[in-house]
């Protein structure tokens, strides 16, 4: 008969932390987006007192958070910050949110590369290199999702 310890939850039983499923490069980006998401919230709060705040993500450029591109960029940064929080603090929902985050990022990059240059005369074609890490991020999150959720 196996005896249960009162400190059973603190003993290592072959289960490792969910965070250990993430490669180093994702852990580094998590910190960038935790900080970026925090700054996006701060920018939204102090924006009425400033005339120019330069924001950019996935080829979307804004000079103020209260413009349409600014709201899109700050919303993306806040969402990325929430996803980064979930991954860093090993929330069960985090891989699914990360998959959604990657799909949104890939979609916006493709729109900014293909659609916008042909519909807006003052925006030219640019190759969005963010697609490379976004693809690997998406694949990694899809691969670890079931393992993450079962820990």
C-alpha atoms as a PDB file:
ATOM      1  CA  UNK A   1       0.000   0.000   0.000  1.00  0.00           C
ATOM      2  CA  UNK A   2       1.372   3.374  -0.991  1.00  0.00           C
ATOM      3  CA  UNK A   3       1.559   6.059   1.649  1.00  0.00           C
ATOM      4  CA  UNK A   4       0.604   9.634   0.681  1.00  0.00           C
ATOM      5  CA  UNK A   5       2.762  12.403   2.040  1.00  0.00           C
ATOM      6  CA  UNK A   6       1.319  15.708   3.204  1.00  0.00           C
ATOM      7  CA  UNK A   7       4.000  17.343   1.058  1.00  0.00           C
ATOM      8  CA  UNK A   8       3.270  15.244  -2.021  1.00  0.00           C
ATOM      9  CA  UNK A   9       2.610  18.255  -4.254  1.00  0.00           C
ATOM     10  CA  UNK A  10       6.113  19.610  -3.588  1.00  0.00           C
ATOM     11  CA  UNK A  11       7.938  16.403  -4.417  1.00  0.00           C
ATOM     12  CA  UNK A  12       9.314  15.911  -7.904  1.00  0.00           C
ATOM     13  CA  UNK A  13       7.471  13.014  -9.501  1.00  0.00           C
ATOM     14  CA  UNK A  14       8.828  13.127 -12.998  1.00  0.00           C
ATOM     15  CA  UNK A  15       6.631  16.073 -13.897  1.00  0.00           C
ATOM     16  CA  UNK A  16       8.548  19.103 -14.974  1.00  0.00           C
ATOM     17  CA  UNK A  17       7.296  22.636 -15.179  1.00  0.00           C
ATOM     18  CA  UNK A  18       5.213  23.602 -18.169  1.00  0.00           C
ATOM     19  CA  UNK A  19       7.625  26.461 -18.769  1.00  0.00           C
ATOM     20  CA  UNK A  20      10.377  23.941 -19.521  1.00  0.00           C
ATOM     21  CA  UNK A  21       8.444  22.944 -22.654  1.00  0.00           C
ATOM     22  CA  UNK A  22       9.223  26.374 -24.127  1.00  0.00           C
ATOM     23  CA  UNK A  23      12.482  26.905 -26.009  1.00  0.00           C
ATOM     24  CA  UNK A  24      14.809  29.711 -24.927  1.00  0.00           C
ATOM     25  CA  UNK A  25      13.928  31.989 -27.846  1.00  0.00           C
ATOM     26  CA  UNK A  26      10.232  31.932 -26.897  1.00  0.00           C
ATOM     27  CA  UNK A  27      11.115  32.664 -23.260  1.00  0.00           C
ATOM     28  CA  UNK A  28      13.111  35.715 -24.394  1.00  0.00           C
ATOM     29  CA  UNK A  29      10.228  36.974 -26.542  1.00  0.00           C
ATOM     30  CA  UNK A  30       7.845  36.415 -23.619  1.00  0.00           C
ATOM     31  CA  UNK A  31       9.728  39.007 -21.614  1.00  0.00           C
ATOM     32  CA  UNK A  32       9.729  41.473 -24.521  1.00  0.00           C
ATOM     33  CA  UNK A  33       5.966  41.149 -24.828  1.00  0.00           C
ATOM     34  CA  UNK A  34       5.326  41.242 -21.079  1.00  0.00           C
ATOM     35  CA  UNK A  35       7.154  44.569 -21.055  1.00  0.00           C
ATOM     36  CA  UNK A  36       5.590  45.697 -24.351  1.00  0.00           C
ATOM     37  CA  UNK A  37       2.078  44.892 -23.139  1.00  0.00           C
ATOM     38  CA  UNK A  38       2.714  46.865 -19.949  1.00  0.00           C
ATOM     39  CA  UNK A  39       3.962  49.840 -21.939  1.00  0.00           C
ATOM     40  CA  UNK A  40       0.915  49.667 -24.228  1.00  0.00           C
ATOM     41  CA  UNK A  41      -1.365  50.029 -21.207  1.00  0.00           C
ATOM     42  CA  UNK A  42       0.754  52.925 -19.914  1.00  0.00           C
ATOM     43  CA  UNK A  43       0.714  54.601 -23.350  1.00  0.00           C
ATOM     44  CA  UNK A  44      -3.077  54.418 -23.421  1.00  0.00           C
ATOM     45  CA  UNK A  45      -3.214  56.116 -20.012  1.00  0.00           C
ATOM     46  CA  UNK A  46      -0.722  58.912 -20.760  1.00  0.00           C
ATOM     47  CA  UNK A  47      -1.621  59.447 -24.436  1.00  0.00           C
ATOM     48  CA  UNK A  48      -3.942  62.424 -23.775  1.00  0.00           C
ATOM     49  CA  UNK A  49      -0.955  64.311 -22.368  1.00  0.00           C
ATOM     50  CA  UNK A  50       1.432  63.573 -25.247  1.00  0.00           C
ATOM     51  CA  UNK A  51       1.322  64.650 -28.863  1.00  0.00           C
ATOM     52  CA  UNK A  52       3.420  61.900 -30.474  1.00  0.00           C
ATOM     53  CA  UNK A  53       3.995  58.299 -29.436  1.00  0.00           C
ATOM     54  CA  UNK A  54       5.535  56.179 -32.164  1.00  0.00           C
ATOM     55  CA  UNK A  55       4.121  52.644 -32.279  1.00  0.00           C
ATOM     56  CA  UNK A  56       4.791  49.854 -34.744  1.00  0.00           C
ATOM     57  CA  UNK A  57       4.052  46.138 -35.006  1.00  0.00           C
ATOM     58  CA  UNK A  58       3.776  43.817 -38.018  1.00  0.00           C
ATOM     59  CA  UNK A  59       4.173  46.767 -40.385  1.00  0.00           C
ATOM     60  CA  UNK A  60       1.371  48.797 -38.821  1.00  0.00           C
ATOM     61  CA  UNK A  61       2.768  52.203 -37.867  1.00  0.00           C
ATOM     62  CA  UNK A  62       1.035  54.744 -35.666  1.00  0.00           C
ATOM     63  CA  UNK A  63       2.019  58.117 -34.268  1.00  0.00           C
ATOM     64  CA  UNK A  64      -0.553  58.120 -31.461  1.00  0.00           C
ATOM     65  CA  UNK A  65      -2.430  55.372 -29.557  1.00  0.00           C
ATOM     66  CA  UNK A  66      -5.819  57.033 -30.155  1.00  0.00           C
ATOM     67  CA  UNK A  67      -5.742  56.646 -33.925  1.00  0.00           C
ATOM     68  CA  UNK A  68      -7.113  53.524 -35.644  1.00  0.00           C
ATOM     69  CA  UNK A  69      -3.631  52.094 -36.310  1.00  0.00           C
ATOM     70  CA  UNK A  70      -2.632  53.056 -32.754  1.00  0.00           C
ATOM     71  CA  UNK A  71      -5.595  51.237 -31.236  1.00  0.00           C
ATOM     72  CA  UNK A  72      -4.800  48.160 -33.342  1.00  0.00           C
ATOM     73  CA  UNK A  73      -1.116  48.178 -32.342  1.00  0.00           C
ATOM     74  CA  UNK A  74      -1.773  48.782 -28.643  1.00  0.00           C
ATOM     75  CA  UNK A  75      -4.481  46.088 -28.646  1.00  0.00           C
ATOM     76  CA  UNK A  76      -2.061  43.649 -30.251  1.00  0.00           C
ATOM     77  CA  UNK A  77       0.633  44.479 -27.697  1.00  0.00           C
ATOM     78  CA  UNK A  78      -1.807  44.071 -24.808  1.00  0.00           C
ATOM     79  CA  UNK A  79      -3.010  40.729 -26.191  1.00  0.00           C
ATOM     80  CA  UNK A  80       0.588  39.585 -26.685  1.00  0.00           C
ATOM     81  CA  UNK A  81       1.325  40.670 -23.102  1.00  0.00           C
ATOM     82  CA  UNK A  82      -1.606  38.594 -21.816  1.00  0.00           C
ATOM     83  CA  UNK A  83      -0.416  35.575 -23.813  1.00  0.00           C
ATOM     84  CA  UNK A  84       3.137  36.073 -22.533  1.00  0.00           C
ATOM     85  CA  UNK A  85       1.807  36.249 -18.968  1.00  0.00           C
ATOM     86  CA  UNK A  86      -0.130  33.021 -19.479  1.00  0.00           C
ATOM     87  CA  UNK A  87       2.871  31.193 -20.894  1.00  0.00           C
ATOM     88  CA  UNK A  88       5.326  32.467 -18.278  1.00  0.00           C
ATOM     89  CA  UNK A  89       3.021  31.675 -15.369  1.00  0.00           C
ATOM     90  CA  UNK A  90       2.040  28.318 -16.909  1.00  0.00           C
ATOM     91  CA  UNK A  91      -1.683  28.904 -17.334  1.00  0.00           C
ATOM     92  CA  UNK A  92      -3.611  26.038 -18.919  1.00  0.00           C
ATOM     93  CA  UNK A  93      -5.190  28.324 -21.559  1.00  0.00           C
ATOM     94  CA  UNK A  94      -1.869  29.822 -22.675  1.00  0.00           C
ATOM     95  CA  UNK A  95      -0.932  27.527 -25.600  1.00  0.00           C
ATOM     96  CA  UNK A  96      -4.356  27.985 -27.219  1.00  0.00           C
ATOM     97  CA  UNK A  97      -4.056  31.761 -26.785  1.00  0.00           C
ATOM     98  CA  UNK A  98      -0.527  31.586 -28.233  1.00  0.00           C
ATOM     99  CA  UNK A  99      -1.820  29.703 -31.276  1.00  0.00           C
ATOM    100  CA  UNK A 100      -4.461  32.390 -31.804  1.00  0.00           C
ATOM    101  CA  UNK A 101      -1.786  35.064 -31.307  1.00  0.00           C
ATOM    102  CA  UNK A 102       0.456  33.462 -33.942  1.00  0.00           C
ATOM    103  CA  UNK A 103      -2.400  33.099 -36.444  1.00  0.00           C
ATOM    104  CA  UNK A 104      -3.399  36.749 -35.956  1.00  0.00           C
ATOM    105  CA  UNK A 105       0.228  37.831 -36.395  1.00  0.00           C
ATOM    106  CA  UNK A 106       0.681  35.777 -39.558  1.00  0.00           C
ATOM    107  CA  UNK A 107      -2.607  37.088 -40.947  1.00  0.00           C
ATOM    108  CA  UNK A 108      -1.701  40.718 -40.285  1.00  0.00           C
ATOM    109  CA  UNK A 109       1.774  40.262 -41.795  1.00  0.00           C
ATOM    110  CA  UNK A 110       0.287  38.774 -44.946  1.00  0.00           C
ATOM    111  CA  UNK A 111      -2.275  41.580 -45.187  1.00  0.00           C
ATOM    112  CA  UNK A 112       0.456  44.197 -44.718  1.00  0.00           C
ATOM    113  CA  UNK A 113       2.648  42.482 -47.338  1.00  0.00           C
ATOM    114  CA  UNK A 114       0.103  41.608 -49.998  1.00  0.00           C
ATOM    115  CA  UNK A 115      -3.168  43.510 -49.641  1.00  0.00           C
ATOM    116  CA  UNK A 116      -2.241  46.950 -48.304  1.00  0.00           C
ATOM    117  CA  UNK A 117       0.508  47.801 -50.863  1.00  0.00           C
ATOM    118  CA  UNK A 118      -1.982  47.242 -53.702  1.00  0.00           C
ATOM    119  CA  UNK A 119      -4.807  49.205 -52.105  1.00  0.00           C
ATOM    120  CA  UNK A 120      -2.894  52.153 -50.653  1.00  0.00           C
ATOM    121  CA  UNK A 121      -0.695  54.182 -53.012  1.00  0.00           C
ATOM    122  CA  UNK A 122       1.520  55.617 -50.240  1.00  0.00           C
ATOM    123  CA  UNK A 123       2.452  52.234 -48.715  1.00  0.00           C
ATOM    124  CA  UNK A 124       4.916  50.107 -50.670  1.00  0.00           C
ATOM    125  CA  UNK A 125       5.627  46.400 -50.571  1.00  0.00           C
ATOM    126  CA  UNK A 126       7.773  45.200 -47.696  1.00  0.00           C
ATOM    127  CA  UNK A 127       8.828  41.686 -46.847  1.00  0.00           C
ATOM    128  CA  UNK A 128       7.655  40.919 -43.298  1.00  0.00           C
ATOM    129  CA  UNK A 129      10.423  38.879 -41.707  1.00  0.00           C
ATOM    130  CA  UNK A 130       8.272  38.443 -38.592  1.00  0.00           C
ATOM    131  CA  UNK A 131       6.628  35.612 -40.497  1.00  0.00           C
ATOM    132  CA  UNK A 132       9.632  33.371 -39.845  1.00  0.00           C
ATOM    133  CA  UNK A 133       9.538  33.365 -36.028  1.00  0.00           C
ATOM    134  CA  UNK A 134       5.710  33.487 -36.081  1.00  0.00           C
ATOM    135  CA  UNK A 135       5.618  30.278 -38.117  1.00  0.00           C
ATOM    136  CA  UNK A 136       7.976  28.470 -35.726  1.00  0.00           C
ATOM    137  CA  UNK A 137       6.054  29.889 -32.749  1.00  0.00           C
ATOM    138  CA  UNK A 138       2.791  28.535 -34.177  1.00  0.00           C
ATOM    139  CA  UNK A 139       4.278  25.092 -34.857  1.00  0.00           C
ATOM    140  CA  UNK A 140       5.882  24.881 -31.392  1.00  0.00           C
ATOM    141  CA  UNK A 141       2.679  25.902 -29.623  1.00  0.00           C
ATOM    142  CA  UNK A 142       0.667  23.349 -31.608  1.00  0.00           C
ATOM    143  CA  UNK A 143       3.216  20.655 -30.725  1.00  0.00           C
ATOM    144  CA  UNK A 144       3.236  21.329 -26.975  1.00  0.00           C
ATOM    145  CA  UNK A 145      -0.447  22.168 -26.515  1.00  0.00           C
ATOM    146  CA  UNK A 146      -1.644  18.716 -25.465  1.00  0.00           C
ATOM    147  CA  UNK A 147       1.376  18.071 -23.231  1.00  0.00           C
ATOM    148  CA  UNK A 148       0.963  21.511 -21.623  1.00  0.00           C
ATOM    149  CA  UNK A 149      -2.747  21.065 -20.945  1.00  0.00           C
ATOM    150  CA  UNK A 150      -2.264  17.598 -19.404  1.00  0.00           C
ATOM    151  CA  UNK A 151       0.316  18.690 -16.828  1.00  0.00           C
END
